Amino acid sequence: MFDLKKMTQEMLQMQKLAFDQSYHTLTLLQGQMERFSQMCWGQFSSYPEEMKKGMTEWQTTYKKQCEQFKSMVDTGFKNMEAWLA
């Protein structure tokens, strides 16, 4: 006979691992794109300074929101793990 509670806990751990790996991969990709865009901005002398500032602010806001999302998902996983314990 199988233990439903244990099976559910293992499935939750698998989902958490998949989310963590996906989030890490997307974070690395975002970092690469950010470095690439900054390199491009540096090469265009006609690129307005206000536009560069706006893009930098957008990237900062994006990172902050991603971190908040990750924190909420982690809290959800912890709550589920506590509920299953």
N, C-alpha and C. Protein backbone atom coordinates (compact mmCIF):
# COMPACT_ATOMS: atom_id res chain seq x y z
N MET A 1 0.85 -1.18 0.00
CA MET A 1 0.00 0.00 0.00
C MET A 1 0.90 1.25 0.00
N PHE A 2 0.48 2.27 -0.63
CA PHE A 2 1.26 3.49 -0.68
C PHE A 2 0.74 4.50 0.34
N ASP A 3 1.65 5.36 0.74
CA ASP A 3 1.31 6.40 1.72
C ASP A 3 1.00 7.68 0.96
N LEU A 4 -0.25 8.07 0.96
CA LEU A 4 -0.69 9.25 0.20
C LEU A 4 -0.01 10.52 0.68
N LYS A 5 0.16 10.67 1.98
CA LYS A 5 0.79 11.87 2.54
C LYS A 5 2.24 11.98 2.08
N LYS A 6 2.97 10.87 2.14
CA LYS A 6 4.38 10.89 1.71
C LYS A 6 4.49 11.16 0.22
N MET A 7 3.62 10.56 -0.56
CA MET A 7 3.63 10.78 -2.00
C MET A 7 3.34 12.25 -2.33
N THR A 8 2.41 12.85 -1.62
CA THR A 8 2.08 14.25 -1.83
C THR A 8 3.25 15.15 -1.45
N GLN A 9 3.93 14.84 -0.36
CA GLN A 9 5.10 15.62 0.05
C GLN A 9 6.20 15.54 -1.00
N GLU A 10 6.42 14.36 -1.55
CA GLU A 10 7.44 14.19 -2.59
C GLU A 10 7.07 14.95 -3.86
N MET A 11 5.81 14.95 -4.21
CA MET A 11 5.36 15.71 -5.38
C MET A 11 5.56 17.21 -5.15
N LEU A 12 5.28 17.67 -3.94
CA LEU A 12 5.47 19.08 -3.61
C LEU A 12 6.95 19.45 -3.69
N GLN A 13 7.82 18.58 -3.19
CA GLN A 13 9.26 18.83 -3.27
C GLN A 13 9.72 18.89 -4.71
N MET A 14 9.17 18.03 -5.55
CA MET A 14 9.52 18.03 -6.97
C MET A 14 9.08 19.34 -7.63
N GLN A 15 7.88 19.80 -7.30
CA GLN A 15 7.37 21.05 -7.87
C GLN A 15 8.22 22.24 -7.41
N LYS A 16 8.62 22.23 -6.15
CA LYS A 16 9.45 23.31 -5.61
C LYS A 16 10.81 23.32 -6.31
N LEU A 17 11.40 22.16 -6.50
CA LEU A 17 12.68 22.07 -7.19
C LEU A 17 12.55 22.58 -8.63
N ALA A 18 11.49 22.18 -9.31
CA ALA A 18 11.27 22.64 -10.70
C ALA A 18 11.10 24.15 -10.75
N PHE A 19 10.35 24.71 -9.81
CA PHE A 19 10.17 26.16 -9.78
C PHE A 19 11.49 26.86 -9.51
N ASP A 20 12.24 26.38 -8.51
CA ASP A 20 13.51 27.01 -8.16
C ASP A 20 14.49 27.00 -9.34
N GLN A 21 14.57 25.87 -10.03
CA GLN A 21 15.47 25.78 -11.18
C GLN A 21 15.03 26.70 -12.32
N SER A 22 13.75 26.75 -12.58
CA SER A 22 13.23 27.63 -13.63
C SER A 22 13.48 29.09 -13.29
N TYR A 23 13.23 29.45 -12.05
CA TYR A 23 13.44 30.83 -11.62
C TYR A 23 14.92 31.20 -11.74
N HIS A 24 15.79 30.29 -11.33
CA HIS A 24 17.23 30.56 -11.42
C HIS A 24 17.65 30.75 -12.88
N THR A 25 17.14 29.91 -13.76
CA THR A 25 17.48 30.01 -15.19
C THR A 25 16.99 31.34 -15.76
N LEU A 26 15.77 31.72 -15.44
CA LEU A 26 15.24 33.00 -15.94
C LEU A 26 16.01 34.19 -15.37
N THR A 27 16.46 34.09 -14.13
CA THR A 27 17.25 35.15 -13.52
C THR A 27 18.59 35.30 -14.26
N LEU A 28 19.22 34.18 -14.58
CA LEU A 28 20.48 34.24 -15.33
C LEU A 28 20.27 34.85 -16.71
N LEU A 29 19.20 34.46 -17.37
CA LEU A 29 18.88 35.00 -18.69
C LEU A 29 18.63 36.51 -18.62
N GLN A 30 17.90 36.94 -17.61
CA GLN A 30 17.62 38.37 -17.44
C GLN A 30 18.92 39.14 -17.21
N GLY A 31 19.82 38.57 -16.42
CA GLY A 31 21.11 39.23 -16.18
C GLY A 31 21.92 39.39 -17.45
N GLN A 32 21.91 38.35 -18.29
CA GLN A 32 22.63 38.43 -19.56
C GLN A 32 22.02 39.51 -20.47
N MET A 33 20.70 39.56 -20.52
CA MET A 33 20.04 40.56 -21.36
C MET A 33 20.30 41.97 -20.84
N GLU A 34 20.36 42.11 -19.52
CA GLU A 34 20.63 43.42 -18.93
C GLU A 34 22.04 43.88 -19.30
N ARG A 35 23.02 43.00 -19.20
CA ARG A 35 24.39 43.36 -19.57
C ARG A 35 24.49 43.68 -21.06
N PHE A 36 23.80 42.92 -21.88
CA PHE A 36 23.80 43.16 -23.32
C PHE A 36 23.20 44.52 -23.65
N SER A 37 22.07 44.84 -23.02
CA SER A 37 21.41 46.12 -23.31
C SER A 37 22.27 47.28 -22.84
N GLN A 38 22.92 47.15 -21.69
CA GLN A 38 23.79 48.22 -21.21
C GLN A 38 24.99 48.41 -22.14
N MET A 39 25.49 47.31 -22.69
CA MET A 39 26.59 47.40 -23.63
C MET A 39 26.14 48.15 -24.89
N CYS A 40 24.93 47.87 -25.34
CA CYS A 40 24.40 48.55 -26.52
C CYS A 40 24.18 50.03 -26.25
N TRP A 41 23.64 50.36 -25.07
CA TRP A 41 23.41 51.77 -24.73
C TRP A 41 24.71 52.55 -24.73
N GLY A 42 25.77 51.92 -24.28
CA GLY A 42 27.06 52.60 -24.24
C GLY A 42 27.62 52.90 -25.61
N GLN A 43 27.21 52.15 -26.61
CA GLN A 43 27.74 52.33 -27.96
C GLN A 43 26.96 53.36 -28.78
N PHE A 44 25.75 53.68 -28.35
CA PHE A 44 24.94 54.64 -29.09
C PHE A 44 25.05 56.02 -28.43
N SER A 45 25.78 56.89 -29.06
CA SER A 45 25.96 58.22 -28.49
C SER A 45 24.68 59.06 -28.62
N SER A 46 23.83 58.72 -29.56
CA SER A 46 22.61 59.50 -29.76
C SER A 46 21.46 59.03 -28.87
N TYR A 47 21.69 57.99 -28.09
CA TYR A 47 20.66 57.46 -27.19
C TYR A 47 20.45 58.44 -26.05
N PRO A 48 19.26 58.99 -25.88
CA PRO A 48 19.02 60.01 -24.85
C PRO A 48 19.29 59.47 -23.43
N GLU A 49 19.87 60.32 -22.63
CA GLU A 49 20.21 59.94 -21.25
C GLU A 49 18.95 59.60 -20.45
N GLU A 50 17.85 60.31 -20.72
CA GLU A 50 16.60 60.03 -20.03
C GLU A 50 16.11 58.61 -20.34
N MET A 51 16.34 58.18 -21.58
CA MET A 51 15.92 56.83 -21.98
C MET A 51 16.75 55.79 -21.24
N LYS A 52 18.05 56.03 -21.11
CA LYS A 52 18.91 55.11 -20.38
C LYS A 52 18.47 55.02 -18.91
N LYS A 53 18.17 56.17 -18.34
CA LYS A 53 17.74 56.21 -16.94
C LYS A 53 16.42 55.45 -16.77
N GLY A 54 15.50 55.65 -17.70
CA GLY A 54 14.22 54.97 -17.64
C GLY A 54 14.36 53.46 -17.75
N MET A 55 15.23 53.01 -18.64
CA MET A 55 15.45 51.57 -18.79
C MET A 55 16.10 50.97 -17.53
N THR A 56 17.02 51.70 -16.93
CA THR A 56 17.66 51.24 -15.70
C THR A 56 16.65 51.14 -14.57
N GLU A 57 15.77 52.13 -14.46
CA GLU A 57 14.72 52.09 -13.44
C GLU A 57 13.76 50.92 -13.69
N TRP A 58 13.43 50.68 -14.95
CA TRP A 58 12.55 49.57 -15.29
C TRP A 58 13.19 48.25 -14.88
N GLN A 59 14.48 48.08 -15.16
CA GLN A 59 15.18 46.84 -14.81
C GLN A 59 15.22 46.65 -13.29
N THR A 60 15.44 47.72 -12.55
CA THR A 60 15.46 47.64 -11.09
C THR A 60 14.10 47.23 -10.56
N THR A 61 13.06 47.83 -11.09
CA THR A 61 11.70 47.50 -10.67
C THR A 61 11.37 46.05 -11.02
N TYR A 62 11.76 45.62 -12.20
CA TYR A 62 11.51 44.24 -12.63
C TYR A 62 12.17 43.25 -11.68
N LYS A 63 13.43 43.50 -11.33
CA LYS A 63 14.14 42.60 -10.42
C LYS A 63 13.45 42.54 -9.06
N LYS A 64 13.05 43.69 -8.56
CA LYS A 64 12.38 43.76 -7.26
C LYS A 64 11.08 42.97 -7.28
N GLN A 65 10.30 43.12 -8.35
CA GLN A 65 9.04 42.40 -8.46
C GLN A 65 9.26 40.89 -8.59
N CYS A 66 10.30 40.49 -9.31
CA CYS A 66 10.61 39.06 -9.42
C CYS A 66 11.00 38.48 -8.06
N GLU A 67 11.77 39.23 -7.29
CA GLU A 67 12.16 38.77 -5.96
C GLU A 67 10.94 38.66 -5.04
N GLN A 68 10.01 39.60 -5.15
CA GLN A 68 8.80 39.53 -4.35
C GLN A 68 7.95 38.32 -4.76
N PHE A 69 7.86 38.06 -6.05
CA PHE A 69 7.12 36.91 -6.54
C PHE A 69 7.73 35.61 -6.00
N LYS A 70 9.06 35.52 -6.09
CA LYS A 70 9.76 34.33 -5.58
C LYS A 70 9.51 34.15 -4.10
N SER A 71 9.53 35.23 -3.35
CA SER A 71 9.29 35.17 -1.91
C SER A 71 7.87 34.66 -1.63
N MET A 72 6.90 35.13 -2.38
CA MET A 72 5.51 34.68 -2.19
C MET A 72 5.36 33.20 -2.51
N VAL A 73 6.00 32.76 -3.58
CA VAL A 73 5.91 31.35 -3.95
C VAL A 73 6.60 30.48 -2.89
N ASP A 74 7.76 30.92 -2.41
CA ASP A 74 8.46 30.18 -1.35
C ASP A 74 7.61 30.08 -0.09
N THR A 75 6.93 31.17 0.24
CA THR A 75 6.04 31.16 1.41
C THR A 75 4.90 30.16 1.19
N GLY A 76 4.37 30.12 -0.01
CA GLY A 76 3.31 29.17 -0.33
C GLY A 76 3.79 27.72 -0.19
N PHE A 77 5.00 27.45 -0.67
CA PHE A 77 5.55 26.10 -0.52
C PHE A 77 5.75 25.75 0.95
N LYS A 78 6.25 26.70 1.73
CA LYS A 78 6.44 26.45 3.17
C LYS A 78 5.12 26.18 3.85
N ASN A 79 4.10 26.93 3.50
CA ASN A 79 2.77 26.72 4.08
C ASN A 79 2.22 25.34 3.72
N MET A 80 2.40 24.93 2.49
CA MET A 80 1.94 23.61 2.06
C MET A 80 2.70 22.51 2.79
N GLU A 81 4.03 22.70 2.94
CA GLU A 81 4.83 21.70 3.65
C GLU A 81 4.40 21.59 5.10
N ALA A 82 4.10 22.73 5.72
CA ALA A 82 3.65 22.72 7.12
C ALA A 82 2.29 22.05 7.22
N TRP A 83 1.44 22.29 6.24
CA TRP A 83 0.10 21.69 6.25
C TRP A 83 0.17 20.18 6.11
N LEU A 84 1.15 19.71 5.30
CA LEU A 84 1.30 18.28 5.07
C LEU A 84 2.06 17.56 6.19
N ALA A 85 2.74 18.33 7.04
CA ALA A 85 3.55 17.71 8.10
C ALA A 85 2.70 17.07 9.17
